[in-house]
Amino acid sequence: MKIIIDSRMREVEKEYLSRFGELVEIVPQDSVYEEISGHPDIFFTKLNNFLFRAPNLEMKVGISGEDVVGLNYPEDIRYNVCQVGNFVIHNFKYTDRRVLEYINENELEKVQVNQGYSNCSICVISNNACITSDIRNI
């Protein structure tokens, strides 16, 4: 199993996670602001068994999306999509075109939210449960 992490993660966490799979580190990218420049959920989204990545990320892990991740909001949220079971949560005005095409072709149910960093603000518990502090019925 591959585990995608921010390369700035502390060594103690890297050592622990390496017991569960191969670590794939994202080095900070200049295409976004520093605080999120190595965050996997800015550059990747996983839907069902497919991993999509921003095309401007030099890593060759996953299927390349069409839209690059940019420095300013909302260009930095294109891949910050959250899936809970058959529901997909995001601000779909800004979703990468290839990711959106996959969502539509696979008849995943879209839940439109204004929160751009939707994957950052949700903890998926199972295929039918999640935790969020945002107010929205799913």
C-alpha atoms as a PDB file:
ATOM      1  CA  MET A   1       0.000   0.000   0.000  1.00  0.00           C
ATOM      2  CA  LYS A   2       1.187   3.520  -0.797  1.00  0.00           C
ATOM      3  CA  ILE A   3       0.725   6.258   1.776  1.00  0.00           C
ATOM      4  CA  ILE A   4       0.991   9.789   0.401  1.00  0.00           C
ATOM      5  CA  ILE A   5       2.346  12.266   2.933  1.00  0.00           C
ATOM      6  CA  ASP A   6       3.690  15.797   3.236  1.00  0.00           C
ATOM      7  CA  SER A   7       7.491  15.500   3.229  1.00  0.00           C
ATOM      8  CA  ARG A   8       7.609  17.944   6.163  1.00  0.00           C
ATOM      9  CA  MET A   9       6.012  15.364   8.450  1.00  0.00           C
ATOM     10  CA  ARG A  10       8.081  14.598  11.543  1.00  0.00           C
ATOM     11  CA  GLU A  11      10.330  11.538  11.357  1.00  0.00           C
ATOM     12  CA  VAL A  12       8.524   9.824  14.241  1.00  0.00           C
ATOM     13  CA  GLU A  13       5.250   9.851  12.240  1.00  0.00           C
ATOM     14  CA  LYS A  14       7.026   8.757   9.062  1.00  0.00           C
ATOM     15  CA  GLU A  15       8.591   5.841  10.913  1.00  0.00           C
ATOM     16  CA  TYR A  16       5.232   4.800  12.349  1.00  0.00           C
ATOM     17  CA  LEU A  17       3.361   5.052   9.033  1.00  0.00           C
ATOM     18  CA  SER A  18       6.084   3.191   7.154  1.00  0.00           C
ATOM     19  CA  ARG A  19       5.036   0.048   9.055  1.00  0.00           C
ATOM     20  CA  PHE A  20       1.771   0.067   7.084  1.00  0.00           C
ATOM     21  CA  GLY A  21       3.016   0.758   3.584  1.00  0.00           C
ATOM     22  CA  GLU A  22       5.363   2.582   1.259  1.00  0.00           C
ATOM     23  CA  LEU A  23       5.580   6.309   1.974  1.00  0.00           C
ATOM     24  CA  VAL A  24       5.277   8.612  -1.020  1.00  0.00           C
ATOM     25  CA  GLU A  25       6.341  12.110  -0.025  1.00  0.00           C
ATOM     26  CA  ILE A  26       5.076  15.325  -1.573  1.00  0.00           C
ATOM     27  CA  VAL A  27       7.765  17.980  -1.452  1.00  0.00           C
ATOM     28  CA  PRO A  28       6.400  21.508  -0.990  1.00  0.00           C
ATOM     29  CA  GLN A  29       5.086  22.912  -4.262  1.00  0.00           C
ATOM     30  CA  ASP A  30       5.434  26.539  -5.352  1.00  0.00           C
ATOM     31  CA  SER A  31       2.030  26.416  -7.042  1.00  0.00           C
ATOM     32  CA  VAL A  32       0.160  26.986  -3.742  1.00  0.00           C
ATOM     33  CA  TYR A  33       0.813  28.908  -0.546  1.00  0.00           C
ATOM     34  CA  GLU A  34       3.359  27.444   1.846  1.00  0.00           C
ATOM     35  CA  GLU A  35       1.023  26.125   4.570  1.00  0.00           C
ATOM     36  CA  ILE A  36      -0.693  23.695   2.175  1.00  0.00           C
ATOM     37  CA  SER A  37       2.166  23.242  -0.301  1.00  0.00           C
ATOM     38  CA  GLY A  38       2.724  19.583   0.633  1.00  0.00           C
ATOM     39  CA  HIS A  39      -0.789  18.544   1.644  1.00  0.00           C
ATOM     40  CA  PRO A  40      -1.902  15.402  -0.215  1.00  0.00           C
ATOM     41  CA  ASP A  41      -5.577  16.433  -0.201  1.00  0.00           C
ATOM     42  CA  ILE A  42      -4.723  19.574  -2.175  1.00  0.00           C
ATOM     43  CA  PHE A  43      -3.114  17.594  -5.005  1.00  0.00           C
ATOM     44  CA  PHE A  44      -5.008  14.270  -4.883  1.00  0.00           C
ATOM     45  CA  THR A  45      -8.524  12.957  -4.572  1.00  0.00           C
ATOM     46  CA  LYS A  46      -9.597   9.318  -4.304  1.00  0.00           C
ATOM     47  CA  LEU A  47     -12.969   8.304  -5.688  1.00  0.00           C
ATOM     48  CA  ASN A  48     -13.894   4.656  -5.375  1.00  0.00           C
ATOM     49  CA  ASN A  49     -10.641   2.912  -6.333  1.00  0.00           C
ATOM     50  CA  PHE A  50      -9.274   5.695  -8.546  1.00  0.00           C
ATOM     51  CA  LEU A  51      -6.697   8.227  -7.428  1.00  0.00           C
ATOM     52  CA  PHE A  52      -6.646  11.519  -9.319  1.00  0.00           C
ATOM     53  CA  ARG A  53      -3.732  13.948  -9.085  1.00  0.00           C
ATOM     54  CA  ALA A  54      -3.113  17.493 -10.172  1.00  0.00           C
ATOM     55  CA  PRO A  55      -1.221  17.531 -13.491  1.00  0.00           C
ATOM     56  CA  ASN A  56       1.255  20.109 -12.185  1.00  0.00           C
ATOM     57  CA  LEU A  57       2.437  17.701  -9.474  1.00  0.00           C
ATOM     58  CA  GLU A  58       5.598  16.047 -10.776  1.00  0.00           C
ATOM     59  CA  MET A  59       4.762  12.718  -9.127  1.00  0.00           C
ATOM     60  CA  LYS A  60       3.395  10.004 -11.393  1.00  0.00           C
ATOM     61  CA  VAL A  61       1.078   8.465  -8.815  1.00  0.00           C
ATOM     62  CA  GLY A  62      -2.574   8.309  -9.873  1.00  0.00           C
ATOM     63  CA  ILE A  63      -4.500   9.454 -12.929  1.00  0.00           C
ATOM     64  CA  SER A  64      -3.690  12.965 -14.075  1.00  0.00           C
ATOM     65  CA  GLY A  65      -6.504  15.469 -13.808  1.00  0.00           C
ATOM     66  CA  GLU A  66      -6.951  18.280 -16.315  1.00  0.00           C
ATOM     67  CA  ASP A  67      -6.855  21.396 -14.159  1.00  0.00           C
ATOM     68  CA  VAL A  68      -3.698  22.556 -12.429  1.00  0.00           C
ATOM     69  CA  VAL A  69      -3.688  23.533  -8.776  1.00  0.00           C
ATOM     70  CA  GLY A  70      -3.046  27.266  -8.496  1.00  0.00           C
ATOM     71  CA  LEU A  71      -1.799  29.695  -5.903  1.00  0.00           C
ATOM     72  CA  ASN A  72      -5.063  31.439  -5.077  1.00  0.00           C
ATOM     73  CA  TYR A  73      -8.458  30.215  -3.948  1.00  0.00           C
ATOM     74  CA  PRO A  74     -10.368  28.592  -5.659  1.00  0.00           C
ATOM     75  CA  GLU A  75      -7.601  27.226  -7.890  1.00  0.00           C
ATOM     76  CA  ASP A  76      -6.169  25.405  -4.851  1.00  0.00           C
ATOM     77  CA  ILE A  77      -9.305  23.327  -4.107  1.00  0.00           C
ATOM     78  CA  ARG A  78      -9.825  21.479  -7.410  1.00  0.00           C
ATOM     79  CA  TYR A  79      -8.971  18.070  -5.882  1.00  0.00           C
ATOM     80  CA  ASN A  80     -10.170  18.635  -2.305  1.00  0.00           C
ATOM     81  CA  VAL A  81     -13.203  16.414  -2.861  1.00  0.00           C
ATOM     82  CA  CYS A  82     -14.596  14.128  -0.153  1.00  0.00           C
ATOM     83  CA  GLN A  83     -16.398  10.833  -0.793  1.00  0.00           C
ATOM     84  CA  VAL A  84     -18.642   9.165   1.779  1.00  0.00           C
ATOM     85  CA  GLY A  85     -20.187   6.046   0.280  1.00  0.00           C
ATOM     86  CA  ASN A  86     -22.028   7.082  -2.876  1.00  0.00           C
ATOM     87  CA  PHE A  87     -21.995  10.766  -1.866  1.00  0.00           C
ATOM     88  CA  VAL A  88     -19.348  13.180  -3.109  1.00  0.00           C
ATOM     89  CA  ILE A  89     -19.003  16.464  -1.257  1.00  0.00           C
ATOM     90  CA  HIS A  90     -17.402  19.558  -2.755  1.00  0.00           C
ATOM     91  CA  ASN A  91     -17.954  22.997  -4.222  1.00  0.00           C
ATOM     92  CA  PHE A  92     -18.474  21.645  -7.736  1.00  0.00           C
ATOM     93  CA  LYS A  93     -18.014  25.023  -9.414  1.00  0.00           C
ATOM     94  CA  TYR A  94     -14.277  24.484  -8.898  1.00  0.00           C
ATOM     95  CA  THR A  95     -13.814  20.713  -9.219  1.00  0.00           C
ATOM     96  CA  ASP A  96     -11.266  19.425 -11.732  1.00  0.00           C
ATOM     97  CA  ARG A  97     -12.992  18.589 -15.027  1.00  0.00           C
ATOM     98  CA  ARG A  98     -11.749  14.997 -15.190  1.00  0.00           C
ATOM     99  CA  VAL A  99     -12.792  14.346 -11.566  1.00  0.00           C
ATOM    100  CA  LEU A 100     -16.225  15.839 -12.255  1.00  0.00           C
ATOM    101  CA  GLU A 101     -16.575  13.715 -15.374  1.00  0.00           C
ATOM    102  CA  TYR A 102     -15.795  10.591 -13.322  1.00  0.00           C
ATOM    103  CA  ILE A 103     -18.365  11.593 -10.691  1.00  0.00           C
ATOM    104  CA  ASN A 104     -21.063  12.054 -13.324  1.00  0.00           C
ATOM    105  CA  GLU A 105     -20.225   8.897 -15.302  1.00  0.00           C
ATOM    106  CA  ASN A 106     -20.306   6.771 -12.147  1.00  0.00           C
ATOM    107  CA  GLU A 107     -23.543   8.351 -10.934  1.00  0.00           C
ATOM    108  CA  LEU A 108     -22.106   9.416  -7.604  1.00  0.00           C
ATOM    109  CA  GLU A 109     -24.492  11.699  -5.741  1.00  0.00           C
ATOM    110  CA  LYS A 110     -23.130  15.243  -5.570  1.00  0.00           C
ATOM    111  CA  VAL A 111     -23.577  17.258  -2.397  1.00  0.00           C
ATOM    112  CA  GLN A 112     -22.848  20.888  -3.232  1.00  0.00           C
ATOM    113  CA  VAL A 113     -21.275  22.857  -0.377  1.00  0.00           C
ATOM    114  CA  ASN A 114     -19.769  26.323  -0.218  1.00  0.00           C
ATOM    115  CA  GLN A 115     -16.787  25.009   1.744  1.00  0.00           C
ATOM    116  CA  GLY A 116     -13.989  24.767  -0.792  1.00  0.00           C
ATOM    117  CA  TYR A 117     -11.717  22.733   1.458  1.00  0.00           C
ATOM    118  CA  SER A 118     -14.423  20.102   1.890  1.00  0.00           C
ATOM    119  CA  ASN A 119     -12.064  17.134   2.276  1.00  0.00           C
ATOM    120  CA  CYS A 120     -10.041  19.068   4.881  1.00  0.00           C
ATOM    121  CA  SER A 121     -13.120  19.664   7.012  1.00  0.00           C
ATOM    122  CA  ILE A 122     -14.547  16.103   6.991  1.00  0.00           C
ATOM    123  CA  CYS A 123     -13.419  12.948   8.752  1.00  0.00           C
ATOM    124  CA  VAL A 124     -14.850   9.893   6.964  1.00  0.00           C
ATOM    125  CA  ILE A 125     -15.796   7.162   9.435  1.00  0.00           C
ATOM    126  CA  SER A 126     -17.395   4.623   7.082  1.00  0.00           C
ATOM    127  CA  ASN A 127     -19.351   4.415   3.824  1.00  0.00           C
ATOM    128  CA  ASN A 128     -22.336   6.000   5.549  1.00  0.00           C
ATOM    129  CA  ALA A 129     -20.866   8.204   8.288  1.00  0.00           C
ATOM    130  CA  CYS A 130     -18.577  11.177   8.669  1.00  0.00           C
ATOM    131  CA  ILE A 131     -17.733  13.898  11.165  1.00  0.00           C
ATOM    132  CA  THR A 132     -17.659  17.578  10.244  1.00  0.00           C
ATOM    133  CA  SER A 133     -18.090  20.878  11.989  1.00  0.00           C
ATOM    134  CA  ASP A 134     -19.710  22.379   8.900  1.00  0.00           C
ATOM    135  CA  ILE A 135     -23.494  22.652   8.984  1.00  0.00           C
ATOM    136  CA  ARG A 136     -25.063  20.718   6.102  1.00  0.00           C
ATOM    137  CA  ASN A 137     -27.263  17.631   6.012  1.00  0.00           C
ATOM    138  CA  ILE A 138     -25.914  14.821   3.884  1.00  0.00           C
END
